[in-house]
Amino acid sequence: MAPERSDTACGRAAIVAAAAILFERGGVEAVSMENIAEAAGVGRSTVLSRVGDRAALIHAVLAPRAAALRERVEEGPAPLGPGGEPVDALNAYLDALLEFVWTNRALIRTLEDDSLETYYTSPLSEFWIGELARRLSATRPGGDADADAEYLAHVLFPALRANAVDYLVSARGMPLSQVRAGLHRLVAV
């Protein structure tokens, strides 16, 4: 694949930046591709050719935020980064995922509605679930810890869906701290 031309990359960056600002201001549902094109100073067809559809645009807005979290997980200080005690590392990871979901809930909810398979099989979800399984396994040594951890990770991951968290906090009035504590209790050994 040929490298992306610099003007194409700049146009793409302007589109993604405009989308991020508009999504924050007006909400994901209220922002049209035409609004994004206008804010980026390009035509709608340019948005589609540089970024793709709405889901691809939302992924592009989320990508740097997810990359920053992933970097903290892979290279940051313990307990979220490597080297923490297993239970502390697991709880720090759950806390970081919950915070990421809560902060980006409007964008993530739009993607969650896309398809259930996409929710589990996107490269980002596969990383989050794999890391969750690894950390769960570390808290449950011996026996079939890895097999149990993979199952538990796939069962626990939906508890972090943006629509579930948003419902609990926004509709039910549950404090985010209670959601966090509940996640910790779910994984307690």
C-alpha atoms as a PDB file:
ATOM      1  CA  MET A   1       0.000   0.000   0.000  1.00  0.00           C
ATOM      2  CA  ALA A   2       1.362   3.414  -0.950  1.00  0.00           C
ATOM      3  CA  PRO A   3       1.953   5.880   1.868  1.00  0.00           C
ATOM      4  CA  GLU A   4      -0.721   8.497   2.400  1.00  0.00           C
ATOM      5  CA  ARG A   5       0.022  11.834   0.689  1.00  0.00           C
ATOM      6  CA  SER A   6       0.699  14.704   3.098  1.00  0.00           C
ATOM      7  CA  ASP A   7      -2.250  16.764   1.827  1.00  0.00           C
ATOM      8  CA  THR A   8      -4.512  13.743   2.264  1.00  0.00           C
ATOM      9  CA  ALA A   9      -3.216  13.201   5.809  1.00  0.00           C
ATOM     10  CA  CYS A  10      -3.705  16.892   6.654  1.00  0.00           C
ATOM     11  CA  GLY A  11      -7.239  16.815   5.240  1.00  0.00           C
ATOM     12  CA  ARG A  12      -8.005  13.675   7.217  1.00  0.00           C
ATOM     13  CA  ALA A  13      -6.623  15.221  10.416  1.00  0.00           C
ATOM     14  CA  ALA A  14      -8.735  18.360   9.900  1.00  0.00           C
ATOM     15  CA  ILE A  15     -11.846  16.253   9.382  1.00  0.00           C
ATOM     16  CA  VAL A  16     -11.215  14.160  12.500  1.00  0.00           C
ATOM     17  CA  ALA A  17     -10.454  17.281  14.575  1.00  0.00           C
ATOM     18  CA  ALA A  18     -13.628  18.990  13.351  1.00  0.00           C
ATOM     19  CA  ALA A  19     -15.678  15.882  14.117  1.00  0.00           C
ATOM     20  CA  ALA A  20     -14.246  15.613  17.639  1.00  0.00           C
ATOM     21  CA  ILE A  21     -15.139  19.241  18.393  1.00  0.00           C
ATOM     22  CA  LEU A  22     -18.632  18.960  16.947  1.00  0.00           C
ATOM     23  CA  PHE A  23     -19.327  15.667  18.718  1.00  0.00           C
ATOM     24  CA  GLU A  24     -18.305  17.245  22.049  1.00  0.00           C
ATOM     25  CA  ARG A  25     -20.417  20.361  21.477  1.00  0.00           C
ATOM     26  CA  GLY A  26     -23.578  18.967  19.962  1.00  0.00           C
ATOM     27  CA  GLY A  27     -23.651  15.259  20.691  1.00  0.00           C
ATOM     28  CA  VAL A  28     -22.892  12.483  18.246  1.00  0.00           C
ATOM     29  CA  GLU A  29     -26.466  11.995  17.065  1.00  0.00           C
ATOM     30  CA  ALA A  30     -26.983  15.689  16.281  1.00  0.00           C
ATOM     31  CA  VAL A  31     -23.908  16.034  14.062  1.00  0.00           C
ATOM     32  CA  SER A  32     -24.242  15.242  10.369  1.00  0.00           C
ATOM     33  CA  MET A  33     -21.515  14.447   7.875  1.00  0.00           C
ATOM     34  CA  GLU A  34     -22.413  17.763   6.225  1.00  0.00           C
ATOM     35  CA  ASN A  35     -21.765  19.596   9.522  1.00  0.00           C
ATOM     36  CA  ILE A  36     -18.362  17.933   9.775  1.00  0.00           C
ATOM     37  CA  ALA A  37     -17.490  18.728   6.162  1.00  0.00           C
ATOM     38  CA  GLU A  38     -18.433  22.375   6.636  1.00  0.00           C
ATOM     39  CA  ALA A  39     -16.432  22.697   9.875  1.00  0.00           C
ATOM     40  CA  ALA A  40     -13.398  21.070   8.231  1.00  0.00           C
ATOM     41  CA  GLY A  41     -13.719  23.271   5.151  1.00  0.00           C
ATOM     42  CA  VAL A  42     -14.170  20.376   2.740  1.00  0.00           C
ATOM     43  CA  GLY A  43     -16.991  18.754   0.815  1.00  0.00           C
ATOM     44  CA  ARG A  44     -19.020  15.784   2.078  1.00  0.00           C
ATOM     45  CA  SER A  45     -17.465  13.560  -0.583  1.00  0.00           C
ATOM     46  CA  THR A  46     -14.022  14.488   0.773  1.00  0.00           C
ATOM     47  CA  VAL A  47     -15.077  13.396   4.256  1.00  0.00           C
ATOM     48  CA  LEU A  48     -16.244  10.065   2.858  1.00  0.00           C
ATOM     49  CA  SER A  49     -13.107   9.529   0.768  1.00  0.00           C
ATOM     50  CA  ARG A  50     -10.647  10.539   3.506  1.00  0.00           C
ATOM     51  CA  VAL A  51     -12.302   8.959   6.519  1.00  0.00           C
ATOM     52  CA  GLY A  52     -15.168   6.741   5.381  1.00  0.00           C
ATOM     53  CA  ASP A  53     -18.518   6.337   7.035  1.00  0.00           C
ATOM     54  CA  ARG A  54     -19.712   7.608  10.405  1.00  0.00           C
ATOM     55  CA  ALA A  55     -18.406   4.554  12.294  1.00  0.00           C
ATOM     56  CA  ALA A  56     -14.944   4.965  10.753  1.00  0.00           C
ATOM     57  CA  LEU A  57     -14.989   8.627  11.728  1.00  0.00           C
ATOM     58  CA  ILE A  58     -15.921   7.791  15.323  1.00  0.00           C
ATOM     59  CA  HIS A  59     -13.135   5.187  15.416  1.00  0.00           C
ATOM     60  CA  ALA A  60     -10.724   7.845  14.138  1.00  0.00           C
ATOM     61  CA  VAL A  61     -11.788  10.259  16.893  1.00  0.00           C
ATOM     62  CA  LEU A  62     -11.408   7.557  19.552  1.00  0.00           C
ATOM     63  CA  ALA A  63      -8.104   6.160  18.232  1.00  0.00           C
ATOM     64  CA  PRO A  64      -5.688   8.634  19.876  1.00  0.00           C
ATOM     65  CA  ARG A  65      -7.594   8.472  23.154  1.00  0.00           C
ATOM     66  CA  ALA A  66      -7.485   4.673  23.127  1.00  0.00           C
ATOM     67  CA  ALA A  67      -3.800   4.716  22.159  1.00  0.00           C
ATOM     68  CA  ALA A  68      -3.024   6.926  25.160  1.00  0.00           C
ATOM     69  CA  LEU A  69      -4.791   4.488  27.492  1.00  0.00           C
ATOM     70  CA  ARG A  70      -3.092   1.518  25.889  1.00  0.00           C
ATOM     71  CA  GLU A  71       0.292   3.201  26.366  1.00  0.00           C
ATOM     72  CA  ARG A  72      -0.464   3.738  30.047  1.00  0.00           C
ATOM     73  CA  VAL A  73      -1.437   0.045  30.331  1.00  0.00           C
ATOM     74  CA  GLU A  74       1.655  -1.242  28.525  1.00  0.00           C
ATOM     75  CA  GLU A  75       4.302   1.244  29.669  1.00  0.00           C
ATOM     76  CA  GLY A  76       2.946   3.377  32.493  1.00  0.00           C
ATOM     77  CA  PRO A  77       3.634   3.060  36.187  1.00  0.00           C
ATOM     78  CA  ALA A  78       2.149   0.278  38.284  1.00  0.00           C
ATOM     79  CA  PRO A  79      -0.473  -0.690  39.182  1.00  0.00           C
ATOM     80  CA  LEU A  80      -2.038   0.173  35.797  1.00  0.00           C
ATOM     81  CA  GLY A  81       1.238  -0.377  33.986  1.00  0.00           C
ATOM     82  CA  PRO A  82       3.453  -3.448  34.354  1.00  0.00           C
ATOM     83  CA  GLY A  83       4.717  -4.656  37.709  1.00  0.00           C
ATOM     84  CA  GLY A  84       1.792  -4.158  40.059  1.00  0.00           C
ATOM     85  CA  GLU A  85       0.380  -6.695  42.455  1.00  0.00           C
ATOM     86  CA  PRO A  86      -2.183  -8.783  40.510  1.00  0.00           C
ATOM     87  CA  VAL A  87      -5.331  -7.654  42.354  1.00  0.00           C
ATOM     88  CA  ASP A  88      -4.236  -4.010  42.360  1.00  0.00           C
ATOM     89  CA  ALA A  89      -3.334  -4.238  38.666  1.00  0.00           C
ATOM     90  CA  LEU A  90      -6.717  -5.750  37.810  1.00  0.00           C
ATOM     91  CA  ASN A  91      -8.637  -3.106  39.755  1.00  0.00           C
ATOM     92  CA  ALA A  92      -6.539  -0.284  38.255  1.00  0.00           C
ATOM     93  CA  TYR A  93      -7.249  -1.675  34.793  1.00  0.00           C
ATOM     94  CA  LEU A  94     -10.996  -1.867  35.450  1.00  0.00           C
ATOM     95  CA  ASP A  95     -10.909   1.690  36.793  1.00  0.00           C
ATOM     96  CA  ALA A  96      -9.070   2.942  33.697  1.00  0.00           C
ATOM     97  CA  LEU A  97     -11.471   1.158  31.337  1.00  0.00           C
ATOM     98  CA  LEU A  98     -14.480   2.496  33.221  1.00  0.00           C
ATOM     99  CA  GLU A  99     -13.106   6.041  33.098  1.00  0.00           C
ATOM    100  CA  PHE A 100     -12.380   5.697  29.369  1.00  0.00           C
ATOM    101  CA  VAL A 101     -15.896   4.420  28.708  1.00  0.00           C
ATOM    102  CA  TRP A 102     -17.523   7.104  30.840  1.00  0.00           C
ATOM    103  CA  THR A 103     -15.528   9.935  29.253  1.00  0.00           C
ATOM    104  CA  ASN A 104     -16.213   8.695  25.718  1.00  0.00           C
ATOM    105  CA  ARG A 105     -19.664   7.185  26.288  1.00  0.00           C
ATOM    106  CA  ALA A 106     -21.501   9.084  23.549  1.00  0.00           C
ATOM    107  CA  LEU A 107     -19.038   7.957  20.888  1.00  0.00           C
ATOM    108  CA  ILE A 108     -18.796   4.407  22.192  1.00  0.00           C
ATOM    109  CA  ARG A 109     -22.576   4.030  22.485  1.00  0.00           C
ATOM    110  CA  THR A 110     -22.900   4.844  18.795  1.00  0.00           C
ATOM    111  CA  LEU A 111     -20.406   2.098  17.958  1.00  0.00           C
ATOM    112  CA  GLU A 112     -22.018  -0.393  20.342  1.00  0.00           C
ATOM    113  CA  ASP A 113     -25.269  -0.031  18.456  1.00  0.00           C
ATOM    114  CA  ASP A 114     -23.456  -0.947  15.229  1.00  0.00           C
ATOM    115  CA  SER A 115     -23.237  -4.713  15.801  1.00  0.00           C
ATOM    116  CA  LEU A 116     -22.590  -7.097  18.642  1.00  0.00           C
ATOM    117  CA  GLU A 117     -19.873  -8.903  16.716  1.00  0.00           C
ATOM    118  CA  THR A 118     -18.023  -5.628  16.106  1.00  0.00           C
ATOM    119  CA  TYR A 119     -18.168  -4.936  19.834  1.00  0.00           C
ATOM    120  CA  TYR A 120     -16.151  -8.072  20.572  1.00  0.00           C
ATOM    121  CA  THR A 121     -13.986  -8.405  17.451  1.00  0.00           C
ATOM    122  CA  SER A 122     -12.657  -4.918  16.806  1.00  0.00           C
ATOM    123  CA  PRO A 123      -8.877  -4.829  17.335  1.00  0.00           C
ATOM    124  CA  LEU A 124      -9.333  -2.457  20.247  1.00  0.00           C
ATOM    125  CA  SER A 125     -11.907  -4.667  21.983  1.00  0.00           C
ATOM    126  CA  GLU A 126      -9.721  -7.714  21.413  1.00  0.00           C
ATOM    127  CA  PHE A 127      -6.845  -5.922  23.149  1.00  0.00           C
ATOM    128  CA  TRP A 128      -9.013  -4.785  26.096  1.00  0.00           C
ATOM    129  CA  ILE A 129     -10.527  -8.265  26.540  1.00  0.00           C
ATOM    130  CA  GLY A 130      -7.141  -9.992  26.176  1.00  0.00           C
ATOM    131  CA  GLU A 131      -5.565  -7.694  28.753  1.00  0.00           C
ATOM    132  CA  LEU A 132      -8.519  -8.210  31.073  1.00  0.00           C
ATOM    133  CA  ALA A 133      -8.123 -11.996  30.720  1.00  0.00           C
ATOM    134  CA  ARG A 134      -4.382 -11.745  31.405  1.00  0.00           C
ATOM    135  CA  ARG A 135      -4.958  -9.723  34.559  1.00  0.00           C
ATOM    136  CA  LEU A 136      -7.787 -11.986  35.733  1.00  0.00           C
ATOM    137  CA  SER A 137      -5.555 -15.019  35.192  1.00  0.00           C
ATOM    138  CA  ALA A 138      -2.808 -13.449  37.305  1.00  0.00           C
ATOM    139  CA  THR A 139      -5.222 -13.222  40.237  1.00  0.00           C
ATOM    140  CA  ARG A 140      -6.254 -16.884  39.914  1.00  0.00           C
ATOM    141  CA  PRO A 141      -3.126 -19.026  39.749  1.00  0.00           C
ATOM    142  CA  GLY A 142      -3.276 -22.748  39.103  1.00  0.00           C
ATOM    143  CA  GLY A 143      -5.664 -25.132  37.409  1.00  0.00           C
ATOM    144  CA  ASP A 144      -7.543 -23.789  34.436  1.00  0.00           C
ATOM    145  CA  ALA A 145      -6.894 -20.164  35.373  1.00  0.00           C
ATOM    146  CA  ASP A 146      -6.292 -19.096  31.757  1.00  0.00           C
ATOM    147  CA  ALA A 147      -9.463 -20.751  30.443  1.00  0.00           C
ATOM    148  CA  ASP A 148     -11.504 -19.374  33.339  1.00  0.00           C
ATOM    149  CA  ALA A 149      -9.985 -15.928  32.857  1.00  0.00           C
ATOM    150  CA  GLU A 150     -10.869 -15.840  29.158  1.00  0.00           C
ATOM    151  CA  TYR A 151     -14.471 -16.741  29.935  1.00  0.00           C
ATOM    152  CA  LEU A 152     -14.651 -14.242  32.802  1.00  0.00           C
ATOM    153  CA  ALA A 153     -13.160 -11.488  30.637  1.00  0.00           C
ATOM    154  CA  HIS A 154     -15.793 -12.011  27.958  1.00  0.00           C
ATOM    155  CA  VAL A 155     -18.567 -12.035  30.566  1.00  0.00           C
ATOM    156  CA  LEU A 156     -17.220  -9.016  32.453  1.00  0.00           C
ATOM    157  CA  PHE A 157     -16.502  -6.886  29.383  1.00  0.00           C
ATOM    158  CA  PRO A 158     -20.217  -6.181  28.698  1.00  0.00           C
ATOM    159  CA  ALA A 159     -20.491  -4.717  32.208  1.00  0.00           C
ATOM    160  CA  LEU A 160     -18.258  -1.966  30.800  1.00  0.00           C
ATOM    161  CA  ARG A 161     -20.492  -1.247  27.803  1.00  0.00           C
ATOM    162  CA  ALA A 162     -21.109   2.472  27.534  1.00  0.00           C
ATOM    163  CA  ASN A 163     -24.874   1.977  27.271  1.00  0.00           C
ATOM    164  CA  ALA A 164     -24.946  -0.039  30.516  1.00  0.00           C
ATOM    165  CA  VAL A 165     -22.725   2.383  32.429  1.00  0.00           C
ATOM    166  CA  ASP A 166     -24.575   5.423  31.080  1.00  0.00           C
ATOM    167  CA  TYR A 167     -27.944   3.887  32.000  1.00  0.00           C
ATOM    168  CA  LEU A 168     -26.831   3.098  35.545  1.00  0.00           C
ATOM    169  CA  VAL A 169     -25.376   6.550  36.152  1.00  0.00           C
ATOM    170  CA  SER A 170     -27.662   8.799  34.099  1.00  0.00           C
ATOM    171  CA  ALA A 171     -31.031   7.036  34.321  1.00  0.00           C
ATOM    172  CA  ARG A 172     -30.747   5.200  37.631  1.00  0.00           C
ATOM    173  CA  GLY A 173     -28.723   7.888  39.438  1.00  0.00           C
ATOM    174  CA  MET A 174     -26.057   5.444  40.525  1.00  0.00           C
ATOM    175  CA  PRO A 175     -22.777   7.174  41.375  1.00  0.00           C
ATOM    176  CA  LEU A 176     -19.869   6.177  39.143  1.00  0.00           C
ATOM    177  CA  SER A 177     -18.024   5.191  42.322  1.00  0.00           C
ATOM    178  CA  GLN A 178     -20.713   2.559  42.971  1.00  0.00           C
ATOM    179  CA  VAL A 179     -20.293   1.157  39.451  1.00  0.00           C
ATOM    180  CA  ARG A 180     -16.532   1.019  40.057  1.00  0.00           C
ATOM    181  CA  ALA A 181     -16.973  -0.744  43.403  1.00  0.00           C
ATOM    182  CA  GLY A 182     -19.364  -3.226  41.802  1.00  0.00           C
ATOM    183  CA  LEU A 183     -16.802  -4.090  39.128  1.00  0.00           C
ATOM    184  CA  HIS A 184     -14.205  -4.677  41.830  1.00  0.00           C
ATOM    185  CA  ARG A 185     -16.605  -6.976  43.682  1.00  0.00           C
ATOM    186  CA  LEU A 186     -17.329  -8.946  40.504  1.00  0.00           C
ATOM    187  CA  VAL A 187     -13.654  -9.864  40.150  1.00  0.00           C
ATOM    188  CA  ALA A 188     -12.825 -10.329  43.833  1.00  0.00           C
ATOM    189  CA  VAL A 189     -11.078 -13.624  44.538  1.00  0.00           C
END
